């Protein structure tokens, strides 16, 4: 018996492989999975190419969040070259069971900005991922290569909030896009609130509601040229 069409590969983009079932996620009110978020991160990395920016894939961020073996952790994190990055973005998932893939129920975003020496957590569901985000921050902060070891952590209380139980991944993709645009803008200044005002102004219920179709159309476009 052949495989179901839901398992068929439809796109290979950089190192990301999408299957037909991933399109179903984008066609309805569903929770985004790792692959869709990783694809969009990879696409943004192509749109905003910079040696100073690192958009960490969900699978790697999950491993960094949950690995308890210090030797393995060090060997795994060093190739990321975090001390050379000015902006590092980690998707955060509340799955705490390393034996189960894609078992979480909420996405948020942890962003490190070297100029301010701060990790900022954006959570679209009233701090639901606070503990997971702090766990990742505690694990990875020591590897950022700061002369000043006091790396700060901050919850962005002004982060836009979702109105349902499934759009958290879309908020993540929308916020990442705004931050990348802010960082690469020639008008960027190192102000106290860094990108916060940009996120507040540009990530609205309207823009987030359009993200599903935008990502779906992006995938179809990439399929047509692959």
C-alpha atoms as a PDB file:
ATOM      1  CA  UNK A   1       0.000   0.000   0.000  1.00  0.00           C
ATOM      2  CA  UNK A   2       1.372   3.398  -0.946  1.00  0.00           C
ATOM      3  CA  UNK A   3       1.797   6.293   1.420  1.00  0.00           C
ATOM      4  CA  UNK A   4      -1.085   8.680   1.936  1.00  0.00           C
ATOM      5  CA  UNK A   5      -0.897  11.904  -0.013  1.00  0.00           C
ATOM      6  CA  UNK A   6      -0.634  13.722   3.299  1.00  0.00           C
ATOM      7  CA  UNK A   7       2.888  12.338   3.640  1.00  0.00           C
ATOM      8  CA  UNK A   8       4.078  13.340   0.169  1.00  0.00           C
ATOM      9  CA  UNK A   9       6.929  15.827   0.041  1.00  0.00           C
ATOM     10  CA  UNK A  10       5.824  18.988  -1.752  1.00  0.00           C
ATOM     11  CA  UNK A  11       8.783  21.313  -1.203  1.00  0.00           C
ATOM     12  CA  UNK A  12      12.434  21.253  -0.255  1.00  0.00           C
ATOM     13  CA  UNK A  13      13.654  24.764   0.552  1.00  0.00           C
ATOM     14  CA  UNK A  14      17.161  25.205   1.903  1.00  0.00           C
ATOM     15  CA  UNK A  15      17.221  22.533   4.618  1.00  0.00           C
ATOM     16  CA  UNK A  16      13.456  22.478   5.200  1.00  0.00           C
ATOM     17  CA  UNK A  17      11.180  19.781   3.821  1.00  0.00           C
ATOM     18  CA  UNK A  18       7.420  20.351   3.708  1.00  0.00           C
ATOM     19  CA  UNK A  19       4.769  17.719   3.145  1.00  0.00           C
ATOM     20  CA  UNK A  20       1.260  18.026   1.792  1.00  0.00           C
ATOM     21  CA  UNK A  21      -0.253  17.788   5.264  1.00  0.00           C
ATOM     22  CA  UNK A  22       1.511  21.043   6.155  1.00  0.00           C
ATOM     23  CA  UNK A  23      -0.662  22.881   3.634  1.00  0.00           C
ATOM     24  CA  UNK A  24      -3.761  21.696   5.474  1.00  0.00           C
ATOM     25  CA  UNK A  25      -2.485  23.425   8.607  1.00  0.00           C
ATOM     26  CA  UNK A  26      -2.359  26.725   6.742  1.00  0.00           C
ATOM     27  CA  UNK A  27      -5.734  26.296   5.052  1.00  0.00           C
ATOM     28  CA  UNK A  28      -7.690  26.302   8.299  1.00  0.00           C
ATOM     29  CA  UNK A  29      -7.647  27.509  11.908  1.00  0.00           C
ATOM     30  CA  UNK A  30      -4.894  25.194  13.074  1.00  0.00           C
ATOM     31  CA  UNK A  31      -1.818  25.391  15.309  1.00  0.00           C
ATOM     32  CA  UNK A  32       1.351  25.879  13.224  1.00  0.00           C
ATOM     33  CA  UNK A  33       3.857  23.047  13.390  1.00  0.00           C
ATOM     34  CA  UNK A  34       7.660  23.115  13.513  1.00  0.00           C
ATOM     35  CA  UNK A  35       8.111  22.695   9.769  1.00  0.00           C
ATOM     36  CA  UNK A  36       5.977  25.671   8.757  1.00  0.00           C
ATOM     37  CA  UNK A  37       7.709  27.948  11.254  1.00  0.00           C
ATOM     38  CA  UNK A  38      11.140  26.671  10.220  1.00  0.00           C
ATOM     39  CA  UNK A  39      10.325  27.306   6.568  1.00  0.00           C
ATOM     40  CA  UNK A  40       9.299  30.887   7.283  1.00  0.00           C
ATOM     41  CA  UNK A  41      12.406  31.485   9.405  1.00  0.00           C
ATOM     42  CA  UNK A  42      14.536  30.153   6.543  1.00  0.00           C
ATOM     43  CA  UNK A  43      12.722  32.404   4.085  1.00  0.00           C
ATOM     44  CA  UNK A  44      13.254  35.471   6.292  1.00  0.00           C
ATOM     45  CA  UNK A  45      16.949  34.602   6.558  1.00  0.00           C
ATOM     46  CA  UNK A  46      17.079  34.817   2.759  1.00  0.00           C
ATOM     47  CA  UNK A  47      15.182  38.116   2.758  1.00  0.00           C
ATOM     48  CA  UNK A  48      17.409  39.662   5.425  1.00  0.00           C
ATOM     49  CA  UNK A  49      20.825  38.096   4.791  1.00  0.00           C
ATOM     50  CA  UNK A  50      23.253  39.099   7.496  1.00  0.00           C
ATOM     51  CA  UNK A  51      26.072  37.399   9.362  1.00  0.00           C
ATOM     52  CA  UNK A  52      24.822  39.246  12.446  1.00  0.00           C
ATOM     53  CA  UNK A  53      21.345  37.658  12.481  1.00  0.00           C
ATOM     54  CA  UNK A  54      20.509  34.096  13.476  1.00  0.00           C
ATOM     55  CA  UNK A  55      16.973  32.724  13.286  1.00  0.00           C
ATOM     56  CA  UNK A  56      17.185  29.456  15.188  1.00  0.00           C
ATOM     57  CA  UNK A  57      15.029  26.599  13.817  1.00  0.00           C
ATOM     58  CA  UNK A  58      12.350  25.301  16.212  1.00  0.00           C
ATOM     59  CA  UNK A  59      13.938  21.854  16.579  1.00  0.00           C
ATOM     60  CA  UNK A  60      17.273  23.352  17.642  1.00  0.00           C
ATOM     61  CA  UNK A  61      15.647  25.857  20.008  1.00  0.00           C
ATOM     62  CA  UNK A  62      13.687  22.995  21.587  1.00  0.00           C
ATOM     63  CA  UNK A  63      16.871  20.993  22.089  1.00  0.00           C
ATOM     64  CA  UNK A  64      18.678  23.968  23.627  1.00  0.00           C
ATOM     65  CA  UNK A  65      15.726  24.509  25.946  1.00  0.00           C
ATOM     66  CA  UNK A  66      15.562  20.924  27.201  1.00  0.00           C
ATOM     67  CA  UNK A  67      19.039  19.354  27.000  1.00  0.00           C
ATOM     68  CA  UNK A  68      20.434  18.621  30.460  1.00  0.00           C
ATOM     69  CA  UNK A  69      23.786  17.100  29.442  1.00  0.00           C
ATOM     70  CA  UNK A  70      26.361  19.887  29.823  1.00  0.00           C
ATOM     71  CA  UNK A  71      28.993  18.317  27.580  1.00  0.00           C
ATOM     72  CA  UNK A  72      26.531  17.590  24.781  1.00  0.00           C
ATOM     73  CA  UNK A  73      25.067  21.070  25.147  1.00  0.00           C
ATOM     74  CA  UNK A  74      28.419  22.788  24.741  1.00  0.00           C
ATOM     75  CA  UNK A  75      29.327  20.703  21.688  1.00  0.00           C
ATOM     76  CA  UNK A  76      25.945  21.437  20.129  1.00  0.00           C
ATOM     77  CA  UNK A  77      25.755  25.174  20.792  1.00  0.00           C
ATOM     78  CA  UNK A  78      29.296  26.157  19.770  1.00  0.00           C
ATOM     79  CA  UNK A  79      28.738  25.686  15.987  1.00  0.00           C
ATOM     80  CA  UNK A  80      25.940  28.268  16.178  1.00  0.00           C
ATOM     81  CA  UNK A  81      28.666  30.885  16.829  1.00  0.00           C
ATOM     82  CA  UNK A  82      26.368  32.863  19.114  1.00  0.00           C
ATOM     83  CA  UNK A  83      29.078  35.329  20.262  1.00  0.00           C
ATOM     84  CA  UNK A  84      29.302  36.612  16.670  1.00  0.00           C
ATOM     85  CA  UNK A  85      25.575  37.336  16.399  1.00  0.00           C
ATOM     86  CA  UNK A  86      23.988  40.682  17.180  1.00  0.00           C
ATOM     87  CA  UNK A  87      20.410  39.431  16.918  1.00  0.00           C
ATOM     88  CA  UNK A  88      19.363  35.868  17.780  1.00  0.00           C
ATOM     89  CA  UNK A  89      15.761  34.678  17.569  1.00  0.00           C
ATOM     90  CA  UNK A  90      14.509  31.529  19.293  1.00  0.00           C
ATOM     91  CA  UNK A  91      10.994  30.121  18.883  1.00  0.00           C
ATOM     92  CA  UNK A  92       9.788  28.791  22.242  1.00  0.00           C
ATOM     93  CA  UNK A  93       7.430  25.828  22.589  1.00  0.00           C
ATOM     94  CA  UNK A  94       5.810  24.599  25.799  1.00  0.00           C
ATOM     95  CA  UNK A  95       6.437  20.937  25.019  1.00  0.00           C
ATOM     96  CA  UNK A  96       8.631  19.677  27.863  1.00  0.00           C
ATOM     97  CA  UNK A  97       8.676  16.026  26.809  1.00  0.00           C
ATOM     98  CA  UNK A  98      11.752  15.404  24.663  1.00  0.00           C
ATOM     99  CA  UNK A  99      10.417  11.977  23.672  1.00  0.00           C
ATOM    100  CA  UNK A 100       7.405  13.454  21.897  1.00  0.00           C
ATOM    101  CA  UNK A 101       7.720  15.471  18.705  1.00  0.00           C
ATOM    102  CA  UNK A 102       5.372  18.421  18.190  1.00  0.00           C
ATOM    103  CA  UNK A 103       3.557  17.769  21.462  1.00  0.00           C
ATOM    104  CA  UNK A 104       3.323  21.381  22.614  1.00  0.00           C
ATOM    105  CA  UNK A 105       0.314  23.666  22.506  1.00  0.00           C
ATOM    106  CA  UNK A 106       1.801  27.173  22.405  1.00  0.00           C
ATOM    107  CA  UNK A 107       4.515  29.135  20.594  1.00  0.00           C
ATOM    108  CA  UNK A 108       6.221  32.312  21.738  1.00  0.00           C
ATOM    109  CA  UNK A 109       9.422  34.142  20.855  1.00  0.00           C
ATOM    110  CA  UNK A 110      12.670  34.796  22.713  1.00  0.00           C
ATOM    111  CA  UNK A 111      14.941  37.402  21.101  1.00  0.00           C
ATOM    112  CA  UNK A 112      18.485  38.322  22.090  1.00  0.00           C
ATOM    113  CA  UNK A 113      19.754  41.789  21.148  1.00  0.00           C
ATOM    114  CA  UNK A 114      23.462  42.241  21.807  1.00  0.00           C
ATOM    115  CA  UNK A 115      23.569  46.048  21.845  1.00  0.00           C
ATOM    116  CA  UNK A 116      21.238  46.102  24.836  1.00  0.00           C
ATOM    117  CA  UNK A 117      22.560  42.763  26.172  1.00  0.00           C
ATOM    118  CA  UNK A 118      19.007  41.603  26.733  1.00  0.00           C
ATOM    119  CA  UNK A 119      16.740  38.667  26.012  1.00  0.00           C
ATOM    120  CA  UNK A 120      13.176  39.772  25.278  1.00  0.00           C
ATOM    121  CA  UNK A 121      10.249  37.370  25.455  1.00  0.00           C
ATOM    122  CA  UNK A 122       7.202  38.029  23.255  1.00  0.00           C
ATOM    123  CA  UNK A 123       4.209  35.927  24.298  1.00  0.00           C
ATOM    124  CA  UNK A 124       0.835  36.352  22.610  1.00  0.00           C
ATOM    125  CA  UNK A 125      -1.016  34.501  25.379  1.00  0.00           C
ATOM    126  CA  UNK A 126      -0.512  36.428  28.605  1.00  0.00           C
ATOM    127  CA  UNK A 127       2.817  34.908  29.570  1.00  0.00           C
ATOM    128  CA  UNK A 128       1.806  31.272  29.112  1.00  0.00           C
ATOM    129  CA  UNK A 129       5.348  30.348  28.015  1.00  0.00           C
ATOM    130  CA  UNK A 130       7.136  32.368  30.685  1.00  0.00           C
ATOM    131  CA  UNK A 131       8.648  29.329  32.435  1.00  0.00           C
ATOM    132  CA  UNK A 132       9.763  27.718  29.154  1.00  0.00           C
ATOM    133  CA  UNK A 133      11.289  30.970  27.957  1.00  0.00           C
ATOM    134  CA  UNK A 134      13.191  31.507  31.210  1.00  0.00           C
ATOM    135  CA  UNK A 135      14.453  27.918  30.996  1.00  0.00           C
ATOM    136  CA  UNK A 136      15.849  28.528  27.508  1.00  0.00           C
ATOM    137  CA  UNK A 137      17.311  31.901  28.543  1.00  0.00           C
ATOM    138  CA  UNK A 138      19.041  30.363  31.580  1.00  0.00           C
ATOM    139  CA  UNK A 139      20.506  27.584  29.449  1.00  0.00           C
ATOM    140  CA  UNK A 140      21.803  29.649  26.541  1.00  0.00           C
ATOM    141  CA  UNK A 141      22.742  33.029  28.094  1.00  0.00           C
ATOM    142  CA  UNK A 142      26.172  31.854  29.214  1.00  0.00           C
ATOM    143  CA  UNK A 143      27.071  30.980  25.627  1.00  0.00           C
ATOM    144  CA  UNK A 144      26.386  34.425  24.153  1.00  0.00           C
ATOM    145  CA  UNK A 145      30.005  35.492  24.718  1.00  0.00           C
ATOM    146  CA  UNK A 146      29.365  38.689  26.625  1.00  0.00           C
ATOM    147  CA  UNK A 147      32.153  40.527  28.404  1.00  0.00           C
ATOM    148  CA  UNK A 148      29.405  41.694  30.737  1.00  0.00           C
ATOM    149  CA  UNK A 149      28.010  38.449  32.118  1.00  0.00           C
ATOM    150  CA  UNK A 150      24.858  40.116  33.446  1.00  0.00           C
ATOM    151  CA  UNK A 151      22.615  39.273  30.504  1.00  0.00           C
ATOM    152  CA  UNK A 152      19.199  40.707  31.206  1.00  0.00           C
ATOM    153  CA  UNK A 153      15.818  39.063  30.648  1.00  0.00           C
ATOM    154  CA  UNK A 154      12.644  40.993  29.923  1.00  0.00           C
ATOM    155  CA  UNK A 155       9.015  40.131  29.265  1.00  0.00           C
ATOM    156  CA  UNK A 156       7.544  42.527  26.710  1.00  0.00           C
ATOM    157  CA  UNK A 157       4.297  43.449  28.391  1.00  0.00           C
ATOM    158  CA  UNK A 158       3.141  45.293  25.271  1.00  0.00           C
ATOM    159  CA  UNK A 159       3.293  42.215  23.012  1.00  0.00           C
ATOM    160  CA  UNK A 160       0.116  41.875  20.908  1.00  0.00           C
ATOM    161  CA  UNK A 161      -2.262  39.220  22.219  1.00  0.00           C
ATOM    162  CA  UNK A 162      -4.096  36.482  20.332  1.00  0.00           C
ATOM    163  CA  UNK A 163      -7.859  36.142  20.554  1.00  0.00           C
ATOM    164  CA  UNK A 164      -8.050  32.388  20.001  1.00  0.00           C
ATOM    165  CA  UNK A 165      -6.202  29.200  20.889  1.00  0.00           C
ATOM    166  CA  UNK A 166      -4.378  28.518  17.625  1.00  0.00           C
ATOM    167  CA  UNK A 167      -2.787  31.671  16.162  1.00  0.00           C
ATOM    168  CA  UNK A 168       0.306  31.783  18.401  1.00  0.00           C
ATOM    169  CA  UNK A 169       2.580  30.557  15.600  1.00  0.00           C
ATOM    170  CA  UNK A 170       1.301  33.273  13.306  1.00  0.00           C
ATOM    171  CA  UNK A 171       2.107  35.894  15.934  1.00  0.00           C
ATOM    172  CA  UNK A 172       5.631  34.451  16.119  1.00  0.00           C
ATOM    173  CA  UNK A 173       6.132  34.716  12.351  1.00  0.00           C
ATOM    174  CA  UNK A 174       4.656  38.223  12.212  1.00  0.00           C
ATOM    175  CA  UNK A 175       6.811  39.497  15.078  1.00  0.00           C
ATOM    176  CA  UNK A 176       9.993  37.948  13.660  1.00  0.00           C
ATOM    177  CA  UNK A 177       9.380  39.674  10.348  1.00  0.00           C
ATOM    178  CA  UNK A 178       8.966  43.059  12.047  1.00  0.00           C
ATOM    179  CA  UNK A 179      12.112  42.599  14.148  1.00  0.00           C
ATOM    180  CA  UNK A 180      14.226  41.606  11.136  1.00  0.00           C
ATOM    181  CA  UNK A 181      12.934  44.611   9.237  1.00  0.00           C
ATOM    182  CA  UNK A 182      13.635  46.873  12.212  1.00  0.00           C
ATOM    183  CA  UNK A 183      17.167  45.564  12.646  1.00  0.00           C
ATOM    184  CA  UNK A 184      18.141  45.962   8.985  1.00  0.00           C
ATOM    185  CA  UNK A 185      16.488  49.367   8.605  1.00  0.00           C
ATOM    186  CA  UNK A 186      18.811  52.289   7.934  1.00  0.00           C
ATOM    187  CA  UNK A 187      16.638  54.319  10.317  1.00  0.00           C
ATOM    188  CA  UNK A 188      17.210  51.982  13.268  1.00  0.00           C
ATOM    189  CA  UNK A 189      18.429  53.626  16.451  1.00  0.00           C
ATOM    190  CA  UNK A 190      19.396  51.982  19.712  1.00  0.00           C
ATOM    191  CA  UNK A 191      16.553  53.399  21.719  1.00  0.00           C
ATOM    192  CA  UNK A 192      15.338  52.200  25.103  1.00  0.00           C
ATOM    193  CA  UNK A 193      12.381  50.228  23.790  1.00  0.00           C
ATOM    194  CA  UNK A 194      14.276  48.941  20.733  1.00  0.00           C
ATOM    195  CA  UNK A 195      11.771  47.286  18.324  1.00  0.00           C
ATOM    196  CA  UNK A 196       8.797  47.336  20.710  1.00  0.00           C
ATOM    197  CA  UNK A 197       6.927  50.217  19.101  1.00  0.00           C
ATOM    198  CA  UNK A 198       7.353  48.672  15.644  1.00  0.00           C
ATOM    199  CA  UNK A 199       5.858  45.379  16.842  1.00  0.00           C
ATOM    200  CA  UNK A 200       2.987  47.133  18.590  1.00  0.00           C
ATOM    201  CA  UNK A 201       2.146  49.183  15.496  1.00  0.00           C
ATOM    202  CA  UNK A 202       2.623  46.521  12.828  1.00  0.00           C
ATOM    203  CA  UNK A 203       1.512  43.265  14.459  1.00  0.00           C
ATOM    204  CA  UNK A 204      -2.246  43.655  14.690  1.00  0.00           C
ATOM    205  CA  UNK A 205      -5.175  41.257  14.497  1.00  0.00           C
ATOM    206  CA  UNK A 206      -5.532  42.251  10.846  1.00  0.00           C
ATOM    207  CA  UNK A 207      -1.920  41.595   9.852  1.00  0.00           C
ATOM    208  CA  UNK A 208      -1.819  38.328  11.795  1.00  0.00           C
ATOM    209  CA  UNK A 209      -5.052  37.102  10.200  1.00  0.00           C
ATOM    210  CA  UNK A 210      -3.420  37.581   6.800  1.00  0.00           C
ATOM    211  CA  UNK A 211      -0.312  35.582   7.690  1.00  0.00           C
ATOM    212  CA  UNK A 212      -1.861  32.185   6.904  1.00  0.00           C
ATOM    213  CA  UNK A 213      -2.578  33.122   3.306  1.00  0.00           C
ATOM    214  CA  UNK A 214       0.748  34.918   2.979  1.00  0.00           C
ATOM    215  CA  UNK A 215       2.699  31.859   4.085  1.00  0.00           C
ATOM    216  CA  UNK A 216       0.495  29.542   2.027  1.00  0.00           C
ATOM    217  CA  UNK A 217       1.027  31.677  -1.078  1.00  0.00           C
ATOM    218  CA  UNK A 218       4.756  31.807  -0.343  1.00  0.00           C
ATOM    219  CA  UNK A 219       4.908  28.012  -0.247  1.00  0.00           C
ATOM    220  CA  UNK A 220       3.012  27.746  -3.528  1.00  0.00           C
ATOM    221  CA  UNK A 221       5.362  30.283  -5.100  1.00  0.00           C
ATOM    222  CA  UNK A 222       8.413  28.395  -3.898  1.00  0.00           C
ATOM    223  CA  UNK A 223       6.901  25.150  -5.209  1.00  0.00           C
ATOM    224  CA  UNK A 224       6.419  26.689  -8.629  1.00  0.00           C
ATOM    225  CA  UNK A 225      10.083  27.604  -8.965  1.00  0.00           C
ATOM    226  CA  UNK A 226      11.608  24.550  -7.320  1.00  0.00           C
END
